Structures are given as C-alpha cells and as structure tokens.
Amino acid sequence: MTSEVRVGASDWRQGRGYIHTYICEKIASSTVGNRYGILMILHELGLEITGQTIDSVSVSNPQTGNRFTLRGKIYHENWTRTGLVNNQQ
C-alpha cells in the first residue's frame, strides 16, 4: 500500500474521498486511462473489489473492514481518459 493515500481512514466517507482524489490525480497525470487501470490502482492500494456495476465499483478495505462504492463517470465500465479529453475540447 502506498503512503500517498490514507486508505486506513477511520471514517469510510473520508477514506472514499482519499481514494477518489488519488485516482483523479493518477488520471490527470496520465497514469490511468480506463476502468481497468482504476481497478489495478485499487488492488495496489490493498483494497478488495467486492462488486462492479455498469457505472460503479464497490470495494472493501481488509485492514479496517470499511466498505464503500465509488460512483461517477470515471468508474463507468466503458470510460477512457481519451473520451474525457475529447469531451473537454
């Protein structure tokens, strides 16, 4: 688990916020370009993927037992960074 993200936050809402911000930073730096990349980041952070829908990813933190769902355009199964960049132009 990386020290850049406070995955072990006591409040699941705070933890979810940290994770979402971290993923957005990875997208902005072109490190992540699609949903698969996001899933890999979550795995590298030590989070377990507990479910996926067309537009969300549910995770569990085995260290704290906290569970939460990440929702939004970047968690859509067909999302790509290229599509995000093209939509902003």
N, C-alpha and C. Protein backbone atom coordinates (compact mmCIF):
# COMPACT_ATOMS: atom_id res chain seq x y z
N MET A 1 0.84 -1.17 0.00
CA MET A 1 0.00 0.00 0.00
C MET A 1 0.89 1.24 0.00
N THR A 2 0.52 2.21 -0.75
CA THR A 2 1.30 3.43 -0.88
C THR A 2 1.04 4.38 0.28
N SER A 3 2.06 5.13 0.66
CA SER A 3 1.90 6.10 1.74
C SER A 3 1.21 7.37 1.24
N GLU A 4 1.02 7.48 -0.08
CA GLU A 4 0.40 8.68 -0.66
C GLU A 4 -1.10 8.76 -0.36
N VAL A 5 -1.70 7.65 0.00
CA VAL A 5 -3.14 7.61 0.20
C VAL A 5 -3.41 7.09 1.60
N ARG A 6 -4.32 7.73 2.28
CA ARG A 6 -4.69 7.31 3.63
C ARG A 6 -5.86 6.35 3.55
N VAL A 7 -5.55 5.13 3.11
CA VAL A 7 -6.58 4.12 2.92
C VAL A 7 -7.20 3.72 4.25
N GLY A 8 -6.44 3.83 5.32
CA GLY A 8 -6.91 3.38 6.63
C GLY A 8 -7.71 4.42 7.39
N ALA A 9 -8.28 5.39 6.73
CA ALA A 9 -9.07 6.42 7.41
C ALA A 9 -10.19 5.76 8.21
N SER A 10 -10.45 6.29 9.40
CA SER A 10 -11.44 5.67 10.28
C SER A 10 -12.87 5.83 9.74
N ASP A 11 -13.16 6.92 9.10
CA ASP A 11 -14.49 7.17 8.54
C ASP A 11 -14.49 6.72 7.08
N TRP A 12 -15.41 5.84 6.71
CA TRP A 12 -15.42 5.32 5.34
C TRP A 12 -15.61 6.42 4.32
N ARG A 13 -16.35 7.48 4.67
CA ARG A 13 -16.55 8.58 3.71
C ARG A 13 -15.23 9.30 3.44
N GLN A 14 -14.47 9.49 4.51
CA GLN A 14 -13.17 10.13 4.35
C GLN A 14 -12.25 9.24 3.51
N GLY A 15 -12.24 7.95 3.80
CA GLY A 15 -11.42 7.02 3.03
C GLY A 15 -11.81 7.00 1.56
N ARG A 16 -13.11 7.01 1.30
CA ARG A 16 -13.58 7.04 -0.09
C ARG A 16 -13.11 8.31 -0.78
N GLY A 17 -13.15 9.44 -0.07
CA GLY A 17 -12.68 10.71 -0.63
C GLY A 17 -11.21 10.67 -0.97
N TYR A 18 -10.41 10.10 -0.07
CA TYR A 18 -8.97 9.98 -0.33
C TYR A 18 -8.71 9.14 -1.58
N ILE A 19 -9.41 8.02 -1.67
CA ILE A 19 -9.22 7.11 -2.81
C ILE A 19 -9.63 7.80 -4.11
N HIS A 20 -10.78 8.45 -4.12
CA HIS A 20 -11.26 9.12 -5.33
C HIS A 20 -10.27 10.22 -5.76
N THR A 21 -9.79 11.00 -4.81
CA THR A 21 -8.82 12.06 -5.13
C THR A 21 -7.54 11.47 -5.70
N TYR A 22 -7.07 10.38 -5.12
CA TYR A 22 -5.86 9.72 -5.60
C TYR A 22 -6.05 9.23 -7.04
N ILE A 23 -7.19 8.61 -7.32
CA ILE A 23 -7.47 8.13 -8.68
C ILE A 23 -7.52 9.31 -9.65
N CYS A 24 -8.17 10.39 -9.27
CA CYS A 24 -8.24 11.58 -10.13
C CYS A 24 -6.85 12.14 -10.42
N GLU A 25 -5.97 12.12 -9.43
CA GLU A 25 -4.59 12.57 -9.64
C GLU A 25 -3.87 11.67 -10.63
N LYS A 26 -4.11 10.36 -10.55
CA LYS A 26 -3.49 9.42 -11.48
C LYS A 26 -4.03 9.63 -12.90
N ILE A 27 -5.30 9.94 -13.02
CA ILE A 27 -5.88 10.23 -14.33
C ILE A 27 -5.27 11.51 -14.90
N ALA A 28 -5.16 12.54 -14.07
CA ALA A 28 -4.60 13.82 -14.51
C ALA A 28 -3.15 13.68 -14.95
N SER A 29 -2.42 12.77 -14.33
CA SER A 29 -1.01 12.58 -14.70
C SER A 29 -0.84 11.54 -15.81
N SER A 30 -1.94 11.10 -16.39
CA SER A 30 -1.96 10.12 -17.49
C SER A 30 -1.46 8.74 -17.06
N THR A 31 -1.45 8.46 -15.77
CA THR A 31 -1.04 7.15 -15.28
C THR A 31 -2.16 6.13 -15.47
N VAL A 32 -3.40 6.59 -15.38
CA VAL A 32 -4.58 5.73 -15.52
C VAL A 32 -5.40 6.23 -16.69
N GLY A 33 -5.83 5.30 -17.56
CA GLY A 33 -6.56 5.72 -18.75
C GLY A 33 -7.88 5.03 -18.98
N ASN A 34 -8.24 4.07 -18.10
CA ASN A 34 -9.51 3.38 -18.27
C ASN A 34 -9.91 2.70 -16.96
N ARG A 35 -11.07 2.07 -16.97
CA ARG A 35 -11.56 1.44 -15.74
C ARG A 35 -10.63 0.33 -15.26
N TYR A 36 -10.07 -0.43 -16.17
CA TYR A 36 -9.14 -1.49 -15.77
C TYR A 36 -7.97 -0.89 -14.99
N GLY A 37 -7.45 0.24 -15.43
CA GLY A 37 -6.37 0.91 -14.72
C GLY A 37 -6.79 1.33 -13.32
N ILE A 38 -8.03 1.79 -13.19
CA ILE A 38 -8.56 2.16 -11.87
C ILE A 38 -8.62 0.93 -10.97
N LEU A 39 -9.09 -0.19 -11.52
CA LEU A 39 -9.16 -1.42 -10.73
C LEU A 39 -7.77 -1.87 -10.28
N MET A 40 -6.78 -1.69 -11.14
CA MET A 40 -5.41 -2.05 -10.77
C MET A 40 -4.89 -1.15 -9.64
N ILE A 41 -5.20 0.14 -9.70
CA ILE A 41 -4.80 1.07 -8.63
C ILE A 41 -5.44 0.64 -7.31
N LEU A 42 -6.71 0.32 -7.33
CA LEU A 42 -7.41 -0.10 -6.11
C LEU A 42 -6.75 -1.35 -5.54
N HIS A 43 -6.42 -2.29 -6.41
CA HIS A 43 -5.75 -3.52 -5.97
C HIS A 43 -4.38 -3.21 -5.36
N GLU A 44 -3.61 -2.34 -6.01
CA GLU A 44 -2.29 -1.97 -5.50
C GLU A 44 -2.38 -1.29 -4.13
N LEU A 45 -3.48 -0.62 -3.86
CA LEU A 45 -3.69 0.04 -2.58
C LEU A 45 -4.10 -0.94 -1.49
N GLY A 46 -4.30 -2.20 -1.87
CA GLY A 46 -4.67 -3.21 -0.90
C GLY A 46 -6.16 -3.34 -0.67
N LEU A 47 -6.95 -2.74 -1.55
CA LEU A 47 -8.41 -2.82 -1.44
C LEU A 47 -8.92 -4.02 -2.22
N GLU A 48 -9.98 -4.62 -1.73
CA GLU A 48 -10.61 -5.75 -2.42
C GLU A 48 -11.80 -5.24 -3.22
N ILE A 49 -11.88 -5.62 -4.48
CA ILE A 49 -13.03 -5.28 -5.32
C ILE A 49 -14.14 -6.26 -4.94
N THR A 50 -15.24 -5.75 -4.41
CA THR A 50 -16.32 -6.62 -3.97
C THR A 50 -17.50 -6.64 -4.93
N GLY A 51 -17.53 -5.71 -5.87
CA GLY A 51 -18.62 -5.68 -6.84
C GLY A 51 -18.40 -4.61 -7.89
N GLN A 52 -19.02 -4.84 -9.04
CA GLN A 52 -18.94 -3.87 -10.13
C GLN A 52 -20.30 -3.82 -10.82
N THR A 53 -20.73 -2.61 -11.15
CA THR A 53 -21.91 -2.45 -11.99
C THR A 53 -21.45 -1.65 -13.21
N ILE A 54 -22.38 -1.30 -14.06
CA ILE A 54 -22.02 -0.58 -15.27
C ILE A 54 -21.36 0.76 -14.96
N ASP A 55 -21.71 1.38 -13.81
CA ASP A 55 -21.16 2.71 -13.52
C ASP A 55 -20.62 2.89 -12.09
N SER A 56 -20.25 1.78 -11.45
CA SER A 56 -19.69 1.90 -10.10
C SER A 56 -18.79 0.71 -9.78
N VAL A 57 -17.96 0.92 -8.76
CA VAL A 57 -17.06 -0.12 -8.27
C VAL A 57 -17.18 -0.12 -6.75
N SER A 58 -17.47 -1.28 -6.17
CA SER A 58 -17.55 -1.41 -4.71
C SER A 58 -16.28 -2.06 -4.21
N VAL A 59 -15.76 -1.52 -3.11
CA VAL A 59 -14.50 -2.03 -2.55
C VAL A 59 -14.63 -2.23 -1.05
N SER A 60 -13.70 -3.02 -0.53
CA SER A 60 -13.61 -3.27 0.89
C SER A 60 -12.15 -3.10 1.30
N ASN A 61 -11.93 -2.48 2.46
CA ASN A 61 -10.59 -2.35 3.00
C ASN A 61 -10.42 -3.44 4.05
N PRO A 62 -9.61 -4.47 3.76
CA PRO A 62 -9.48 -5.57 4.70
C PRO A 62 -8.85 -5.16 6.04
N GLN A 63 -8.11 -4.06 6.05
CA GLN A 63 -7.48 -3.60 7.29
C GLN A 63 -8.48 -3.01 8.27
N THR A 64 -9.49 -2.32 7.76
CA THR A 64 -10.44 -1.63 8.63
C THR A 64 -11.84 -2.24 8.59
N GLY A 65 -12.11 -3.03 7.57
CA GLY A 65 -13.45 -3.56 7.39
C GLY A 65 -14.40 -2.58 6.71
N ASN A 66 -13.91 -1.37 6.43
CA ASN A 66 -14.74 -0.36 5.76
C ASN A 66 -15.05 -0.79 4.34
N ARG A 67 -16.29 -0.56 3.92
CA ARG A 67 -16.73 -0.86 2.56
C ARG A 67 -17.39 0.38 2.00
N PHE A 68 -17.17 0.63 0.71
CA PHE A 68 -17.81 1.77 0.07
C PHE A 68 -17.86 1.56 -1.42
N THR A 69 -18.68 2.37 -2.08
CA THR A 69 -18.85 2.29 -3.52
C THR A 69 -18.40 3.59 -4.15
N LEU A 70 -17.60 3.46 -5.20
CA LEU A 70 -17.13 4.61 -5.98
C LEU A 70 -18.03 4.74 -7.19
N ARG A 71 -18.64 5.92 -7.35
CA ARG A 71 -19.58 6.15 -8.46
C ARG A 71 -19.17 7.39 -9.22
N GLY A 72 -19.55 7.42 -10.48
CA GLY A 72 -19.29 8.58 -11.32
C GLY A 72 -18.82 8.16 -12.69
N LYS A 73 -18.65 9.14 -13.56
CA LYS A 73 -18.28 8.86 -14.95
C LYS A 73 -16.99 8.06 -15.07
N ILE A 74 -16.01 8.36 -14.23
CA ILE A 74 -14.72 7.66 -14.37
C ILE A 74 -14.79 6.20 -13.94
N TYR A 75 -15.86 5.81 -13.25
CA TYR A 75 -16.00 4.42 -12.82
C TYR A 75 -16.89 3.61 -13.77
N HIS A 76 -17.39 4.26 -14.84
CA HIS A 76 -18.21 3.57 -15.83
C HIS A 76 -17.35 2.54 -16.55
N GLU A 77 -17.94 1.38 -16.86
CA GLU A 77 -17.16 0.29 -17.44
C GLU A 77 -16.54 0.63 -18.79
N ASN A 78 -17.10 1.58 -19.54
CA ASN A 78 -16.54 1.95 -20.85
C ASN A 78 -15.77 3.25 -20.83
N TRP A 79 -15.52 3.80 -19.63
CA TRP A 79 -14.81 5.08 -19.52
C TRP A 79 -13.36 4.95 -19.98
N THR A 80 -12.91 5.97 -20.72
CA THR A 80 -11.49 6.08 -21.08
C THR A 80 -11.06 7.52 -20.89
N ARG A 81 -9.78 7.70 -20.60
CA ARG A 81 -9.24 9.04 -20.45
C ARG A 81 -9.35 9.80 -21.78
N THR A 82 -9.17 9.09 -22.88
CA THR A 82 -9.28 9.71 -24.20
C THR A 82 -10.66 10.33 -24.39
N GLY A 83 -11.70 9.62 -23.99
CA GLY A 83 -13.05 10.15 -24.08
C GLY A 83 -13.23 11.38 -23.21
N LEU A 84 -12.60 11.40 -22.05
CA LEU A 84 -12.67 12.55 -21.15
C LEU A 84 -12.01 13.76 -21.79
N VAL A 85 -10.84 13.57 -22.37
CA VAL A 85 -10.11 14.67 -23.01
C VAL A 85 -10.88 15.19 -24.21
N ASN A 86 -11.44 14.28 -25.03
CA ASN A 86 -12.20 14.70 -26.21
C ASN A 86 -13.46 15.47 -25.83
N ASN A 87 -14.11 15.10 -24.72
CA ASN A 87 -15.33 15.80 -24.28
C ASN A 87 -15.03 17.19 -23.76
N GLN A 88 -13.81 17.46 -23.32
CA GLN A 88 -13.46 18.77 -22.78
C GLN A 88 -13.08 19.76 -23.87
N GLN A 89 -12.86 19.29 -25.07
CA GLN A 89 -12.44 20.18 -26.16
C GLN A 89 -13.62 20.82 -26.83
